[in-house]
Amino acid sequence: MRNILIIDLAFTIKALNQSKSIFWQIDENVNTRSDHEVILFSIQSEGNLVENPLKKMPYNLEKADWKEFKRS
């Protein structure tokens, strides 16, 4: 008989941990051919989880000459 010992770690940030919007489960249907299991998780959030880098973009894309861009 095989002993089953699985120690896999998942980390989170404090804001997610407090929101209680993280759901996870072990998918036993996937054969990983190792002693690790596949962990499925979903995050449900009403706000942004990370800062959107496009909001800090140093370029004004509205001023771009898109016709010239397409020609090059």
N, C-alpha and C. Protein backbone atom coordinates (compact mmCIF):
# COMPACT_ATOMS: atom_id res chain seq x y z
N MET A 1 0.85 -1.19 0.00
CA MET A 1 0.00 0.00 0.00
C MET A 1 0.89 1.24 0.00
N ARG A 2 0.54 2.18 -0.82
CA ARG A 2 1.31 3.41 -0.96
C ARG A 2 0.84 4.44 0.06
N ASN A 3 1.78 5.03 0.77
CA ASN A 3 1.45 6.13 1.68
C ASN A 3 1.28 7.40 0.88
N ILE A 4 0.21 8.12 1.13
CA ILE A 4 -0.03 9.37 0.42
C ILE A 4 0.33 10.52 1.34
N LEU A 5 1.32 11.30 0.90
CA LEU A 5 1.75 12.47 1.64
C LEU A 5 1.93 13.59 0.63
N ILE A 6 1.07 14.56 0.67
CA ILE A 6 1.12 15.66 -0.29
C ILE A 6 1.30 16.96 0.48
N ILE A 7 2.40 17.62 0.20
CA ILE A 7 2.63 18.94 0.80
C ILE A 7 2.90 19.90 -0.35
N ASP A 8 1.88 20.56 -0.82
CA ASP A 8 2.00 21.59 -1.84
C ASP A 8 1.56 22.89 -1.20
N LEU A 9 2.19 23.95 -1.60
CA LEU A 9 1.91 25.25 -0.99
C LEU A 9 1.27 26.19 -2.00
N ALA A 10 0.38 27.00 -1.51
CA ALA A 10 -0.20 28.08 -2.30
C ALA A 10 -0.11 29.34 -1.45
N PHE A 11 0.34 30.42 -2.04
CA PHE A 11 0.52 31.67 -1.31
C PHE A 11 -0.49 32.70 -1.80
N THR A 12 -0.79 33.63 -0.95
CA THR A 12 -1.72 34.70 -1.29
C THR A 12 -1.24 36.00 -0.66
N ILE A 13 -1.85 37.09 -1.05
CA ILE A 13 -1.55 38.37 -0.42
C ILE A 13 -2.62 38.65 0.62
N LYS A 14 -2.31 39.51 1.53
CA LYS A 14 -3.20 39.79 2.66
C LYS A 14 -4.59 40.24 2.20
N ALA A 15 -4.65 41.08 1.17
CA ALA A 15 -5.94 41.60 0.70
C ALA A 15 -6.84 40.47 0.21
N LEU A 16 -6.28 39.50 -0.48
CA LEU A 16 -7.09 38.37 -0.94
C LEU A 16 -7.51 37.49 0.21
N ASN A 17 -6.62 37.29 1.12
CA ASN A 17 -6.91 36.43 2.27
C ASN A 17 -8.06 36.99 3.09
N GLN A 18 -8.15 38.29 3.20
CA GLN A 18 -9.20 38.92 3.99
C GLN A 18 -10.54 38.94 3.25
N SER A 19 -10.49 38.88 1.92
CA SER A 19 -11.73 38.99 1.16
C SER A 19 -12.54 37.69 1.16
N LYS A 20 -11.92 36.59 1.51
CA LYS A 20 -12.57 35.28 1.54
C LYS A 20 -13.20 34.93 0.19
N SER A 21 -12.55 35.35 -0.88
CA SER A 21 -13.05 35.10 -2.22
C SER A 21 -12.16 34.12 -2.99
N ILE A 22 -11.41 33.32 -2.28
CA ILE A 22 -10.53 32.35 -2.91
C ILE A 22 -11.11 30.97 -2.69
N PHE A 23 -11.29 30.24 -3.78
CA PHE A 23 -11.81 28.88 -3.69
C PHE A 23 -10.80 27.95 -4.35
N TRP A 24 -10.45 26.86 -3.68
CA TRP A 24 -9.49 25.94 -4.27
C TRP A 24 -9.87 24.51 -3.98
N GLN A 25 -9.34 23.63 -4.83
CA GLN A 25 -9.58 22.21 -4.65
C GLN A 25 -8.46 21.44 -5.33
N ILE A 26 -8.25 20.23 -4.92
CA ILE A 26 -7.27 19.35 -5.55
C ILE A 26 -7.99 18.56 -6.64
N ASP A 27 -7.43 18.57 -7.84
CA ASP A 27 -8.02 17.83 -8.96
C ASP A 27 -7.36 16.45 -9.01
N GLU A 28 -8.05 15.46 -8.51
CA GLU A 28 -7.50 14.11 -8.48
C GLU A 28 -7.67 13.38 -9.80
N ASN A 29 -8.35 14.01 -10.77
CA ASN A 29 -8.56 13.38 -12.07
C ASN A 29 -7.36 13.54 -13.00
N VAL A 30 -6.44 14.42 -12.67
CA VAL A 30 -5.27 14.65 -13.50
C VAL A 30 -4.11 13.80 -12.98
N ASN A 31 -3.56 12.99 -13.84
CA ASN A 31 -2.41 12.17 -13.46
C ASN A 31 -1.14 12.95 -13.76
N THR A 32 -0.48 13.44 -12.73
CA THR A 32 0.73 14.24 -12.92
C THR A 32 1.98 13.38 -13.01
N ARG A 33 1.84 12.10 -12.73
CA ARG A 33 2.97 11.17 -12.72
C ARG A 33 4.07 11.62 -11.77
N SER A 34 3.65 12.28 -10.72
CA SER A 34 4.60 12.68 -9.67
C SER A 34 3.87 12.62 -8.34
N ASP A 35 4.55 13.01 -7.28
CA ASP A 35 3.93 13.00 -5.97
C ASP A 35 3.21 14.31 -5.67
N HIS A 36 3.05 15.15 -6.68
CA HIS A 36 2.33 16.41 -6.53
C HIS A 36 0.96 16.30 -7.17
N GLU A 37 0.04 17.09 -6.69
CA GLU A 37 -1.32 17.10 -7.23
C GLU A 37 -1.58 18.45 -7.89
N VAL A 38 -2.55 18.47 -8.78
CA VAL A 38 -2.97 19.71 -9.43
C VAL A 38 -3.92 20.44 -8.50
N ILE A 39 -3.65 21.70 -8.26
CA ILE A 39 -4.50 22.53 -7.42
C ILE A 39 -5.23 23.51 -8.32
N LEU A 40 -6.55 23.44 -8.32
CA LEU A 40 -7.37 24.38 -9.08
C LEU A 40 -7.84 25.47 -8.12
N PHE A 41 -7.76 26.71 -8.57
CA PHE A 41 -8.27 27.77 -7.71
C PHE A 41 -8.91 28.86 -8.55
N SER A 42 -9.82 29.57 -7.93
CA SER A 42 -10.45 30.71 -8.56
C SER A 42 -10.47 31.86 -7.57
N ILE A 43 -10.38 33.04 -8.11
CA ILE A 43 -10.38 34.25 -7.29
C ILE A 43 -11.53 35.12 -7.77
N GLN A 44 -12.40 35.47 -6.86
CA GLN A 44 -13.51 36.35 -7.19
C GLN A 44 -13.29 37.66 -6.46
N SER A 45 -13.25 38.73 -7.22
CA SER A 45 -12.96 40.03 -6.62
C SER A 45 -13.78 41.11 -7.31
N GLU A 46 -14.16 42.09 -6.56
CA GLU A 46 -14.90 43.22 -7.12
C GLU A 46 -13.95 44.32 -7.58
N GLY A 47 -12.74 44.31 -7.11
CA GLY A 47 -11.77 45.34 -7.47
C GLY A 47 -10.62 44.75 -8.27
N ASN A 48 -9.62 45.56 -8.51
CA ASN A 48 -8.43 45.10 -9.22
C ASN A 48 -7.52 44.34 -8.25
N LEU A 49 -7.02 43.20 -8.70
CA LEU A 49 -6.11 42.42 -7.87
C LEU A 49 -4.69 42.95 -7.96
N VAL A 50 -4.35 43.47 -9.12
CA VAL A 50 -3.03 44.06 -9.32
C VAL A 50 -3.22 45.40 -9.99
N GLU A 51 -2.20 46.21 -9.92
CA GLU A 51 -2.27 47.52 -10.55
C GLU A 51 -2.16 47.36 -12.06
N ASN A 52 -3.03 48.01 -12.79
CA ASN A 52 -3.02 47.93 -14.24
C ASN A 52 -1.91 48.81 -14.79
N PRO A 53 -0.89 48.21 -15.44
CA PRO A 53 0.23 49.02 -15.93
C PRO A 53 -0.17 49.98 -17.05
N LEU A 54 -1.29 49.72 -17.73
CA LEU A 54 -1.71 50.62 -18.79
C LEU A 54 -2.19 51.96 -18.25
N LYS A 55 -2.62 51.98 -17.01
CA LYS A 55 -3.07 53.24 -16.42
C LYS A 55 -1.90 54.17 -16.14
N LYS A 56 -0.71 53.63 -16.02
CA LYS A 56 0.48 54.44 -15.76
C LYS A 56 1.34 54.58 -17.01
N MET A 57 0.78 54.26 -18.17
CA MET A 57 1.56 54.31 -19.40
C MET A 57 2.03 55.73 -19.66
N PRO A 58 3.31 55.90 -19.95
CA PRO A 58 3.84 57.25 -20.17
C PRO A 58 3.50 57.83 -21.54
N TYR A 59 2.81 57.05 -22.37
CA TYR A 59 2.49 57.50 -23.72
C TYR A 59 1.01 57.80 -23.85
N ASN A 60 0.68 58.79 -24.64
CA ASN A 60 -0.71 59.11 -24.92
C ASN A 60 -1.06 58.45 -26.25
N LEU A 61 -1.71 57.29 -26.19
CA LEU A 61 -2.01 56.54 -27.39
C LEU A 61 -3.02 57.22 -28.29
N GLU A 62 -3.78 58.16 -27.74
CA GLU A 62 -4.75 58.88 -28.54
C GLU A 62 -4.07 59.82 -29.53
N LYS A 63 -2.84 60.21 -29.27
CA LYS A 63 -2.11 61.10 -30.17
C LYS A 63 -1.27 60.34 -31.20
N ALA A 64 -1.32 59.03 -31.16
CA ALA A 64 -0.51 58.23 -32.09
C ALA A 64 -1.01 58.38 -33.52
N ASP A 65 -0.09 58.35 -34.46
CA ASP A 65 -0.44 58.39 -35.88
C ASP A 65 -0.57 56.94 -36.35
N TRP A 66 -1.77 56.38 -36.21
CA TRP A 66 -1.97 54.96 -36.47
C TRP A 66 -1.84 54.63 -37.95
N LYS A 67 -2.15 55.55 -38.84
CA LYS A 67 -1.96 55.29 -40.27
C LYS A 67 -0.48 55.10 -40.57
N GLU A 68 0.34 55.95 -40.00
CA GLU A 68 1.80 55.83 -40.18
C GLU A 68 2.30 54.53 -39.54
N PHE A 69 1.75 54.21 -38.41
CA PHE A 69 2.14 52.98 -37.71
C PHE A 69 1.85 51.75 -38.56
N LYS A 70 0.69 51.71 -39.21
CA LYS A 70 0.31 50.56 -40.04
C LYS A 70 1.21 50.45 -41.28
N ARG A 71 1.68 51.59 -41.80
CA ARG A 71 2.53 51.55 -42.99
C ARG A 71 3.92 51.00 -42.70
N SER A 72 4.38 51.15 -41.49
CA SER A 72 5.76 50.71 -41.19
C SER A 72 5.85 49.29 -40.75
